[in-house]
Amino acid sequence: MMEEKRRYARFSEEKQKQIAELSFLKIKTKVELSNEYGITTNTVAAWEKKYFGGPKKDMELSAQDKEIIRLKNLLKEKEEDIEILKKATAIFSRKKR
């Protein structure tokens, strides 16, 4: 039985840094990033270490960083709410047969 060769996603250095920053600033978890971009959590951790020296502890975050994280999480929640409302509107606006 032949093994299937696994293909890995390739990202530019700029994209790697963006992904690492999302993890570093705790905007998304490594698992979320892994699922979203088709990479391993170890890859995310390696990029985070490469570009930012490793994970940042909550105590090390400045007040401004914490506020940015809070606002980005709030924005993400609101975007999800909007998608749900769009789907609900589409369902309820269908003509009854």
PDB file of N, CA and C in Angstrom:
ATOM      1  N   MET A   1       0.834  -1.185   0.000  1.00  0.00           N
ATOM      2  CA  MET A   1       0.000   0.000   0.000  1.00  0.00           C
ATOM      3  C   MET A   1       0.881   1.251   0.000  1.00  0.00           C
ATOM      4  N   MET A   2       0.685   2.119  -0.960  1.00  0.00           N
ATOM      5  CA  MET A   2       1.520   3.316  -1.065  1.00  0.00           C
ATOM      6  C   MET A   2       0.979   4.417  -0.169  1.00  0.00           C
ATOM      7  N   GLU A   3       1.899   5.087   0.484  1.00  0.00           N
ATOM      8  CA  GLU A   3       1.501   6.220   1.317  1.00  0.00           C
ATOM      9  C   GLU A   3       1.251   7.431   0.444  1.00  0.00           C
ATOM     10  N   GLU A   4       0.227   8.149   0.802  1.00  0.00           N
ATOM     11  CA  GLU A   4      -0.090   9.360   0.062  1.00  0.00           C
ATOM     12  C   GLU A   4       0.770  10.490   0.614  1.00  0.00           C
ATOM     13  N   LYS A   5       1.408  11.224  -0.267  1.00  0.00           N
ATOM     14  CA  LYS A   5       2.257  12.318   0.165  1.00  0.00           C
ATOM     15  C   LYS A   5       1.390  13.486   0.609  1.00  0.00           C
ATOM     16  N   ARG A   6       1.645  13.974   1.811  1.00  0.00           N
ATOM     17  CA  ARG A   6       0.849  15.061   2.371  1.00  0.00           C
ATOM     18  C   ARG A   6       1.339  16.396   1.835  1.00  0.00           C
ATOM     19  N   ARG A   7       0.402  17.234   1.443  1.00  0.00           N
ATOM     20  CA  ARG A   7       0.745  18.562   0.954  1.00  0.00           C
ATOM     21  C   ARG A   7       0.553  19.574   2.062  1.00  0.00           C
ATOM     22  N   TYR A   8       1.497  20.431   2.209  1.00  0.00           N
ATOM     23  CA  TYR A   8       1.432  21.448   3.235  1.00  0.00           C
ATOM     24  C   TYR A   8       1.218  22.813   2.598  1.00  0.00           C
ATOM     25  N   ALA A   9       0.458  23.626   3.290  1.00  0.00           N
ATOM     26  CA  ALA A   9       0.215  24.979   2.815  1.00  0.00           C
ATOM     27  C   ALA A   9       1.512  25.774   2.925  1.00  0.00           C
ATOM     28  N   ARG A  10       1.727  26.632   1.975  1.00  0.00           N
ATOM     29  CA  ARG A  10       2.910  27.485   2.004  1.00  0.00           C
ATOM     30  C   ARG A  10       2.441  28.925   2.119  1.00  0.00           C
ATOM     31  N   PHE A  11       3.065  29.646   3.018  1.00  0.00           N
ATOM     32  CA  PHE A  11       2.675  31.025   3.259  1.00  0.00           C
ATOM     33  C   PHE A  11       3.887  31.932   3.150  1.00  0.00           C
ATOM     34  N   SER A  12       3.635  33.144   2.669  1.00  0.00           N
ATOM     35  CA  SER A  12       4.706  34.130   2.601  1.00  0.00           C
ATOM     36  C   SER A  12       5.120  34.490   4.025  1.00  0.00           C
ATOM     37  N   GLU A  13       6.271  35.085   4.150  1.00  0.00           N
ATOM     38  CA  GLU A  13       6.755  35.486   5.470  1.00  0.00           C
ATOM     39  C   GLU A  13       5.791  36.495   6.113  1.00  0.00           C
ATOM     40  N   GLU A  14       5.236  37.373   5.296  1.00  0.00           N
ATOM     41  CA  GLU A  14       4.285  38.361   5.803  1.00  0.00           C
ATOM     42  C   GLU A  14       3.033  37.673   6.365  1.00  0.00           C
ATOM     43  N   LYS A  15       2.526  36.672   5.650  1.00  0.00           N
ATOM     44  CA  LYS A  15       1.326  35.948   6.106  1.00  0.00           C
ATOM     45  C   LYS A  15       1.646  35.145   7.367  1.00  0.00           C
ATOM     46  N   GLN A  16       2.837  34.536   7.426  1.00  0.00           N
ATOM     47  CA  GLN A  16       3.248  33.812   8.622  1.00  0.00           C
ATOM     48  C   GLN A  16       3.244  34.739   9.833  1.00  0.00           C
ATOM     49  N   LYS A  17       3.765  35.933   9.643  1.00  0.00           N
ATOM     50  CA  LYS A  17       3.830  36.902  10.739  1.00  0.00           C
ATOM     51  C   LYS A  17       2.423  37.326  11.167  1.00  0.00           C
ATOM     52  N   GLN A  18       1.516  37.498  10.213  1.00  0.00           N
ATOM     53  CA  GLN A  18       0.132  37.872  10.540  1.00  0.00           C
ATOM     54  C   GLN A  18      -0.535  36.769  11.361  1.00  0.00           C
ATOM     55  N   ILE A  19      -0.348  35.534  10.962  1.00  0.00           N
ATOM     56  CA  ILE A  19      -0.930  34.404  11.680  1.00  0.00           C
ATOM     57  C   ILE A  19      -0.332  34.321  13.082  1.00  0.00           C
ATOM     58  N   ALA A  20       0.995  34.468  13.173  1.00  0.00           N
ATOM     59  CA  ALA A  20       1.666  34.423  14.471  1.00  0.00           C
ATOM     60  C   ALA A  20       1.172  35.543  15.385  1.00  0.00           C
ATOM     61  N   GLU A  21       0.917  36.707  14.806  1.00  0.00           N
ATOM     62  CA  GLU A  21       0.447  37.847  15.598  1.00  0.00           C
ATOM     63  C   GLU A  21      -0.944  37.583  16.176  1.00  0.00           C
ATOM     64  N   LEU A  22      -1.811  36.933  15.412  1.00  0.00           N
ATOM     65  CA  LEU A  22      -3.145  36.601  15.917  1.00  0.00           C
ATOM     66  C   LEU A  22      -3.050  35.711  17.153  1.00  0.00           C
ATOM     67  N   SER A  23      -2.101  34.790  17.145  1.00  0.00           N
ATOM     68  CA  SER A  23      -1.894  33.915  18.290  1.00  0.00           C
ATOM     69  C   SER A  23      -1.218  34.670  19.429  1.00  0.00           C
ATOM     70  N   PHE A  24      -0.195  35.439  19.092  1.00  0.00           N
ATOM     71  CA  PHE A  24       0.588  36.174  20.083  1.00  0.00           C
ATOM     72  C   PHE A  24      -0.280  37.137  20.885  1.00  0.00           C
ATOM     73  N   LEU A  25      -1.170  37.835  20.199  1.00  0.00           N
ATOM     74  CA  LEU A  25      -2.046  38.797  20.868  1.00  0.00           C
ATOM     75  C   LEU A  25      -3.317  38.146  21.412  1.00  0.00           C
ATOM     76  N   LYS A  26      -3.378  36.807  21.306  1.00  0.00           N
ATOM     77  CA  LYS A  26      -4.501  36.023  21.813  1.00  0.00           C
ATOM     78  C   LYS A  26      -5.837  36.428  21.195  1.00  0.00           C
ATOM     79  N   ILE A  27      -5.792  36.792  19.916  1.00  0.00           N
ATOM     80  CA  ILE A  27      -7.007  37.124  19.181  1.00  0.00           C
ATOM     81  C   ILE A  27      -7.688  35.825  18.755  1.00  0.00           C
ATOM     82  N   LYS A  28      -6.867  34.844  18.383  1.00  0.00           N
ATOM     83  CA  LYS A  28      -7.367  33.506  18.048  1.00  0.00           C
ATOM     84  C   LYS A  28      -6.446  32.488  18.706  1.00  0.00           C
ATOM     85  N   THR A  29      -7.012  31.315  18.991  1.00  0.00           N
ATOM     86  CA  THR A  29      -6.195  30.258  19.579  1.00  0.00           C
ATOM     87  C   THR A  29      -5.390  29.568  18.487  1.00  0.00           C
ATOM     88  N   LYS A  30      -4.380  28.845  18.898  1.00  0.00           N
ATOM     89  CA  LYS A  30      -3.572  28.094  17.936  1.00  0.00           C
ATOM     90  C   LYS A  30      -4.435  27.056  17.208  1.00  0.00           C
ATOM     91  N   VAL A  31      -5.396  26.469  17.923  1.00  0.00           N
ATOM     92  CA  VAL A  31      -6.276  25.472  17.311  1.00  0.00           C
ATOM     93  C   VAL A  31      -7.152  26.133  16.240  1.00  0.00           C
ATOM     94  N   GLU A  32      -7.707  27.315  16.542  1.00  0.00           N
ATOM     95  CA  GLU A  32      -8.524  28.032  15.552  1.00  0.00           C
ATOM     96  C   GLU A  32      -7.699  28.357  14.314  1.00  0.00           C
ATOM     97  N   LEU A  33      -6.482  28.837  14.520  1.00  0.00           N
ATOM     98  CA  LEU A  33      -5.610  29.180  13.397  1.00  0.00           C
ATOM     99  C   LEU A  33      -5.220  27.935  12.609  1.00  0.00           C
ATOM    100  N   SER A  34      -4.965  26.852  13.318  1.00  0.00           N
ATOM    101  CA  SER A  34      -4.617  25.587  12.674  1.00  0.00           C
ATOM    102  C   SER A  34      -5.739  25.130  11.751  1.00  0.00           C
ATOM    103  N   ASN A  35      -6.965  25.161  12.253  1.00  0.00           N
ATOM    104  CA  ASN A  35      -8.116  24.741  11.442  1.00  0.00           C
ATOM    105  C   ASN A  35      -8.363  25.691  10.280  1.00  0.00           C
ATOM    106  N   GLU A  36      -8.225  26.977  10.532  1.00  0.00           N
ATOM    107  CA  GLU A  36      -8.522  27.988   9.506  1.00  0.00           C
ATOM    108  C   GLU A  36      -7.530  27.960   8.348  1.00  0.00           C
ATOM    109  N   TYR A  37      -6.246  27.746   8.660  1.00  0.00           N
ATOM    110  CA  TYR A  37      -5.212  27.838   7.628  1.00  0.00           C
ATOM    111  C   TYR A  37      -4.637  26.494   7.198  1.00  0.00           C
ATOM    112  N   GLY A  38      -5.099  25.399   7.799  1.00  0.00           N
ATOM    113  CA  GLY A  38      -4.613  24.080   7.402  1.00  0.00           C
ATOM    114  C   GLY A  38      -3.166  23.827   7.777  1.00  0.00           C
ATOM    115  N   ILE A  39      -2.775  24.330   8.936  1.00  0.00           N
ATOM    116  CA  ILE A  39      -1.416  24.127   9.443  1.00  0.00           C
ATOM    117  C   ILE A  39      -1.522  23.515  10.837  1.00  0.00           C
ATOM    118  N   THR A  40      -0.410  23.025  11.355  1.00  0.00           N
ATOM    119  CA  THR A  40      -0.437  22.436  12.694  1.00  0.00           C
ATOM    120  C   THR A  40      -0.288  23.518  13.755  1.00  0.00           C
ATOM    121  N   THR A  41      -0.717  23.180  14.963  1.00  0.00           N
ATOM    122  CA  THR A  41      -0.546  24.120  16.070  1.00  0.00           C
ATOM    123  C   THR A  41       0.941  24.340  16.358  1.00  0.00           C
ATOM    124  N   ASN A  42       1.750  23.316  16.101  1.00  0.00           N
ATOM    125  CA  ASN A  42       3.197  23.460  16.289  1.00  0.00           C
ATOM    126  C   ASN A  42       3.781  24.483  15.318  1.00  0.00           C
ATOM    127  N   THR A  43       3.238  24.529  14.110  1.00  0.00           N
ATOM    128  CA  THR A  43       3.693  25.514  13.133  1.00  0.00           C
ATOM    129  C   THR A  43       3.358  26.924  13.619  1.00  0.00           C
ATOM    130  N   VAL A  44       2.146  27.096  14.127  1.00  0.00           N
ATOM    131  CA  VAL A  44       1.745  28.403  14.658  1.00  0.00           C
ATOM    132  C   VAL A  44       2.683  28.802  15.798  1.00  0.00           C
ATOM    133  N   ALA A  45       2.955  27.865  16.709  1.00  0.00           N
ATOM    134  CA  ALA A  45       3.835  28.140  17.842  1.00  0.00           C
ATOM    135  C   ALA A  45       5.252  28.495  17.370  1.00  0.00           C
ATOM    136  N   ALA A  46       5.731  27.788  16.346  1.00  0.00           N
ATOM    137  CA  ALA A  46       7.074  28.062  15.818  1.00  0.00           C
ATOM    138  C   ALA A  46       7.148  29.457  15.199  1.00  0.00           C
ATOM    139  N   TRP A  47       6.118  29.836  14.442  1.00  0.00           N
ATOM    140  CA  TRP A  47       6.098  31.167  13.842  1.00  0.00           C
ATOM    141  C   TRP A  47       6.000  32.237  14.922  1.00  0.00           C
ATOM    142  N   GLU A  48       5.200  31.968  15.956  1.00  0.00           N
ATOM    143  CA  GLU A  48       5.057  32.919  17.054  1.00  0.00           C
ATOM    144  C   GLU A  48       6.414  33.138  17.732  1.00  0.00           C
ATOM    145  N   LYS A  49       7.134  32.058  17.946  1.00  0.00           N
ATOM    146  CA  LYS A  49       8.456  32.152  18.565  1.00  0.00           C
ATOM    147  C   LYS A  49       9.434  32.884  17.643  1.00  0.00           C
ATOM    148  N   LYS A  50       9.360  32.579  16.354  1.00  0.00           N
ATOM    149  CA  LYS A  50      10.257  33.191  15.369  1.00  0.00           C
ATOM    150  C   LYS A  50      10.076  34.706  15.300  1.00  0.00           C
ATOM    151  N   TYR A  51       8.825  35.159  15.268  1.00  0.00           N
ATOM    152  CA  TYR A  51       8.564  36.582  15.062  1.00  0.00           C
ATOM    153  C   TYR A  51       8.386  37.383  16.347  1.00  0.00           C
ATOM    154  N   PHE A  52       7.974  36.719  17.436  1.00  0.00           N
ATOM    155  CA  PHE A  52       7.665  37.467  18.656  1.00  0.00           C
ATOM    156  C   PHE A  52       8.344  36.915  19.898  1.00  0.00           C
ATOM    157  N   GLY A  53       9.166  35.891  19.740  1.00  0.00           N
ATOM    158  CA  GLY A  53       9.885  35.345  20.879  1.00  0.00           C
ATOM    159  C   GLY A  53       9.060  34.405  21.743  1.00  0.00           C
ATOM    160  N   GLY A  54       7.938  33.957  21.246  1.00  0.00           N
ATOM    161  CA  GLY A  54       7.110  33.006  21.977  1.00  0.00           C
ATOM    162  C   GLY A  54       5.821  33.626  22.462  1.00  0.00           C
ATOM    163  N   PRO A  55       4.970  32.795  23.090  1.00  0.00           N
ATOM    164  CA  PRO A  55       3.663  33.291  23.527  1.00  0.00           C
ATOM    165  C   PRO A  55       3.781  34.378  24.588  1.00  0.00           C
ATOM    166  N   LYS A  56       2.867  35.282  24.551  1.00  0.00           N
ATOM    167  CA  LYS A  56       2.840  36.388  25.495  1.00  0.00           C
ATOM    168  C   LYS A  56       1.888  36.039  26.624  1.00  0.00           C
ATOM    169  N   LYS A  57       2.305  36.266  27.830  1.00  0.00           N
ATOM    170  CA  LYS A  57       1.450  36.025  28.989  1.00  0.00           C
ATOM    171  C   LYS A  57       0.493  37.199  29.135  1.00  0.00           C
ATOM    172  N   ASP A  58      -0.697  36.927  29.675  1.00  0.00           N
ATOM    173  CA  ASP A  58      -1.685  37.994  29.857  1.00  0.00           C
ATOM    174  C   ASP A  58      -1.124  39.156  30.669  1.00  0.00           C
ATOM    175  N   MET A  59      -0.284  38.848  31.641  1.00  0.00           N
ATOM    176  CA  MET A  59       0.260  39.905  32.501  1.00  0.00           C
ATOM    177  C   MET A  59       1.188  40.830  31.712  1.00  0.00           C
ATOM    178  N   GLU A  60       1.767  40.348  30.628  1.00  0.00           N
ATOM    179  CA  GLU A  60       2.698  41.135  29.833  1.00  0.00           C
ATOM    180  C   GLU A  60       1.990  42.055  28.838  1.00  0.00           C
ATOM    181  N   LEU A  61       0.694  41.864  28.636  1.00  0.00           N
ATOM    182  CA  LEU A  61      -0.045  42.680  27.682  1.00  0.00           C
ATOM    183  C   LEU A  61      -0.279  44.072  28.251  1.00  0.00           C
ATOM    184  N   SER A  62      -0.083  45.068  27.418  1.00  0.00           N
ATOM    185  CA  SER A  62      -0.370  46.439  27.848  1.00  0.00           C
ATOM    186  C   SER A  62      -1.884  46.632  27.873  1.00  0.00           C
ATOM    187  N   ALA A  63      -2.321  47.683  28.515  1.00  0.00           N
ATOM    188  CA  ALA A  63      -3.753  47.999  28.565  1.00  0.00           C
ATOM    189  C   ALA A  63      -4.290  48.189  27.152  1.00  0.00           C
ATOM    190  N   GLN A  64      -3.489  48.808  26.294  1.00  0.00           N
ATOM    191  CA  GLN A  64      -3.905  49.042  24.907  1.00  0.00           C
ATOM    192  C   GLN A  64      -4.059  47.713  24.164  1.00  0.00           C
ATOM    193  N   ASP A  65      -3.115  46.791  24.350  1.00  0.00           N
ATOM    194  CA  ASP A  65      -3.210  45.471  23.709  1.00  0.00           C
ATOM    195  C   ASP A  65      -4.449  44.729  24.187  1.00  0.00           C
ATOM    196  N   LYS A  66      -4.725  44.794  25.492  1.00  0.00           N
ATOM    197  CA  LYS A  66      -5.900  44.124  26.040  1.00  0.00           C
ATOM    198  C   LYS A  66      -7.182  44.710  25.447  1.00  0.00           C
ATOM    199  N   GLU A  67      -7.216  46.028  25.276  1.00  0.00           N
ATOM    200  CA  GLU A  67      -8.392  46.682  24.696  1.00  0.00           C
ATOM    201  C   GLU A  67      -8.559  46.285  23.225  1.00  0.00           C
ATOM    202  N   ILE A  68      -7.460  46.200  22.494  1.00  0.00           N
ATOM    203  CA  ILE A  68      -7.508  45.776  21.092  1.00  0.00           C
ATOM    204  C   ILE A  68      -8.058  44.360  21.009  1.00  0.00           C
ATOM    205  N   ILE A  69      -7.584  43.474  21.861  1.00  0.00           N
ATOM    206  CA  ILE A  69      -8.056  42.091  21.876  1.00  0.00           C
ATOM    207  C   ILE A  69      -9.539  42.052  22.186  1.00  0.00           C
ATOM    208  N   ARG A  70      -9.966  42.816  23.205  1.00  0.00           N
ATOM    209  CA  ARG A  70     -11.371  42.843  23.584  1.00  0.00           C
ATOM    210  C   ARG A  70     -12.238  43.318  22.420  1.00  0.00           C
ATOM    211  N   LEU A  71     -11.800  44.380  21.749  1.00  0.00           N
ATOM    212  CA  LEU A  71     -12.577  44.932  20.639  1.00  0.00           C
ATOM    213  C   LEU A  71     -12.605  43.993  19.441  1.00  0.00           C
ATOM    214  N   LYS A  72     -11.491  43.342  19.145  1.00  0.00           N
ATOM    215  CA  LYS A  72     -11.465  42.398  18.027  1.00  0.00           C
ATOM    216  C   LYS A  72     -12.371  41.201  18.312  1.00  0.00           C
ATOM    217  N   ASN A  73     -12.374  40.731  19.562  1.00  0.00           N
ATOM    218  CA  ASN A  73     -13.269  39.630  19.927  1.00  0.00           C
ATOM    219  C   ASN A  73     -14.724  40.058  19.836  1.00  0.00           C
ATOM    220  N   LEU A  74     -15.022  41.281  20.263  1.00  0.00           N
ATOM    221  CA  LEU A  74     -16.378  41.805  20.172  1.00  0.00           C
ATOM    222  C   LEU A  74     -16.811  41.923  18.709  1.00  0.00           C
ATOM    223  N   LEU A  75     -15.911  42.412  17.862  1.00  0.00           N
ATOM    224  CA  LEU A  75     -16.199  42.525  16.433  1.00  0.00           C
ATOM    225  C   LEU A  75     -16.489  41.156  15.836  1.00  0.00           C
ATOM    226  N   LYS A  76     -15.694  40.164  16.205  1.00  0.00           N
ATOM    227  CA  LYS A  76     -15.894  38.797  15.703  1.00  0.00           C
ATOM    228  C   LYS A  76     -17.275  38.278  16.108  1.00  0.00           C
ATOM    229  N   GLU A  77     -17.664  38.504  17.371  1.00  0.00           N
ATOM    230  CA  GLU A  77     -18.982  38.079  17.842  1.00  0.00           C
ATOM    231  C   GLU A  77     -20.096  38.761  17.050  1.00  0.00           C
ATOM    232  N   LYS A  78     -19.954  40.051  16.818  1.00  0.00           N
ATOM    233  CA  LYS A  78     -20.987  40.804  16.099  1.00  0.00           C
ATOM    234  C   LYS A  78     -21.080  40.359  14.646  1.00  0.00           C
ATOM    235  N   GLU A  79     -19.950  40.040  14.028  1.00  0.00           N
ATOM    236  CA  GLU A  79     -19.974  39.542  12.656  1.00  0.00           C
ATOM    237  C   GLU A  79     -20.700  38.196  12.590  1.00  0.00           C
ATOM    238  N   GLU A  80     -20.484  37.345  13.602  1.00  0.00           N
ATOM    239  CA  GLU A  80     -21.188  36.065  13.654  1.00  0.00           C
ATOM    240  C   GLU A  80     -22.687  36.285  13.848  1.00  0.00           C
ATOM    241  N   ASP A  81     -23.052  37.243  14.706  1.00  0.00           N
ATOM    242  CA  ASP A  81     -24.474  37.574  14.918  1.00  0.00           C
ATOM    243  C   ASP A  81     -25.127  38.036  13.625  1.00  0.00           C
ATOM    244  N   ILE A  82     -24.413  38.857  12.875  1.00  0.00           N
ATOM    245  CA  ILE A  82     -24.944  39.372  11.610  1.00  0.00           C
ATOM    246  C   ILE A  82     -25.188  38.226  10.629  1.00  0.00           C
ATOM    247  N   GLU A  83     -24.248  37.284  10.549  1.00  0.00           N
ATOM    248  CA  GLU A  83     -24.418  36.133   9.653  1.00  0.00           C
ATOM    249  C   GLU A  83     -25.638  35.306  10.048  1.00  0.00           C
ATOM    250  N   ILE A  84     -25.837  35.112  11.345  1.00  0.00           N
ATOM    251  CA  ILE A  84     -26.998  34.351  11.817  1.00  0.00           C
ATOM    252  C   ILE A  84     -28.280  35.085  11.448  1.00  0.00           C
ATOM    253  N   LEU A  85     -28.303  36.397  11.653  1.00  0.00           N
ATOM    254  CA  LEU A  85     -29.493  37.186  11.328  1.00  0.00           C
ATOM    255  C   LEU A  85     -29.791  37.180   9.825  1.00  0.00           C
ATOM    256  N   LYS A  86     -28.746  37.207   9.007  1.00  0.00           N
ATOM    257  CA  LYS A  86     -28.942  37.141   7.555  1.00  0.00           C
ATOM    258  C   LYS A  86     -29.612  35.826   7.169  1.00  0.00           C
ATOM    259  N   LYS A  87     -29.141  34.730   7.767  1.00  0.00           N
ATOM    260  CA  LYS A  87     -29.712  33.422   7.465  1.00  0.00           C
ATOM    261  C   LYS A  87     -31.157  33.335   7.948  1.00  0.00           C
ATOM    262  N   ALA A  88     -31.409  33.855   9.129  1.00  0.00           N
ATOM    263  CA  ALA A  88     -32.771  33.835   9.669  1.00  0.00           C
ATOM    264  C   ALA A  88     -33.709  34.671   8.807  1.00  0.00           C
ATOM    265  N   THR A  89     -33.246  35.827   8.367  1.00  0.00           N
ATOM    266  CA  THR A  89     -34.054  36.692   7.509  1.00  0.00           C
ATOM    267  C   THR A  89     -34.395  35.978   6.203  1.00  0.00           C
ATOM    268  N   ALA A  90     -33.408  35.295   5.638  1.00  0.00           N
ATOM    269  CA  ALA A  90     -33.642  34.569   4.385  1.00  0.00           C
ATOM    270  C   ALA A  90     -34.680  33.466   4.579  1.00  0.00           C
ATOM    271  N   ILE A  91     -34.608  32.781   5.692  1.00  0.00           N
ATOM    272  CA  ILE A  91     -35.555  31.694   5.962  1.00  0.00           C
ATOM    273  C   ILE A  91     -36.967  32.232   6.158  1.00  0.00           C
ATOM    274  N   PHE A  92     -37.108  33.307   6.960  1.00  0.00           N
ATOM    275  CA  PHE A  92     -38.433  33.828   7.264  1.00  0.00           C
ATOM    276  C   PHE A  92     -39.034  34.678   6.154  1.00  0.00           C
ATOM    277  N   SER A  93     -38.215  35.126   5.214  1.00  0.00           N
ATOM    278  CA  SER A  93     -38.739  35.949   4.135  1.00  0.00           C
ATOM    279  C   SER A  93     -39.179  35.131   2.916  1.00  0.00           C
ATOM    280  N   ARG A  94     -38.947  33.836   2.956  1.00  0.00           N
ATOM    281  CA  ARG A  94     -39.393  32.960   1.860  1.00  0.00           C
ATOM    282  C   ARG A  94     -40.917  32.980   1.808  1.00  0.00           C
ATOM    283  N   LYS A  95     -41.408  32.898   0.616  1.00  0.00           N
ATOM    284  CA  LYS A  95     -42.872  32.862   0.441  1.00  0.00           C
ATOM    285  C   LYS A  95     -43.392  31.515   0.888  1.00  0.00           C
ATOM    286  N   LYS A  96     -44.495  31.542   1.620  1.00  0.00           N
ATOM    287  CA  LYS A  96     -45.131  30.298   2.030  1.00  0.00           C
ATOM    288  C   LYS A  96     -45.861  29.681   0.861  1.00  0.00           C
ATOM    289  N   ARG A  97     -45.768  28.367   0.744  1.00  0.00           N
ATOM    290  CA  ARG A  97     -46.395  27.686  -0.387  1.00  0.00           C
ATOM    291  C   ARG A  97     -47.645  26.991   0.039  1.00  0.00           C
TER     292      ARG A  97
END
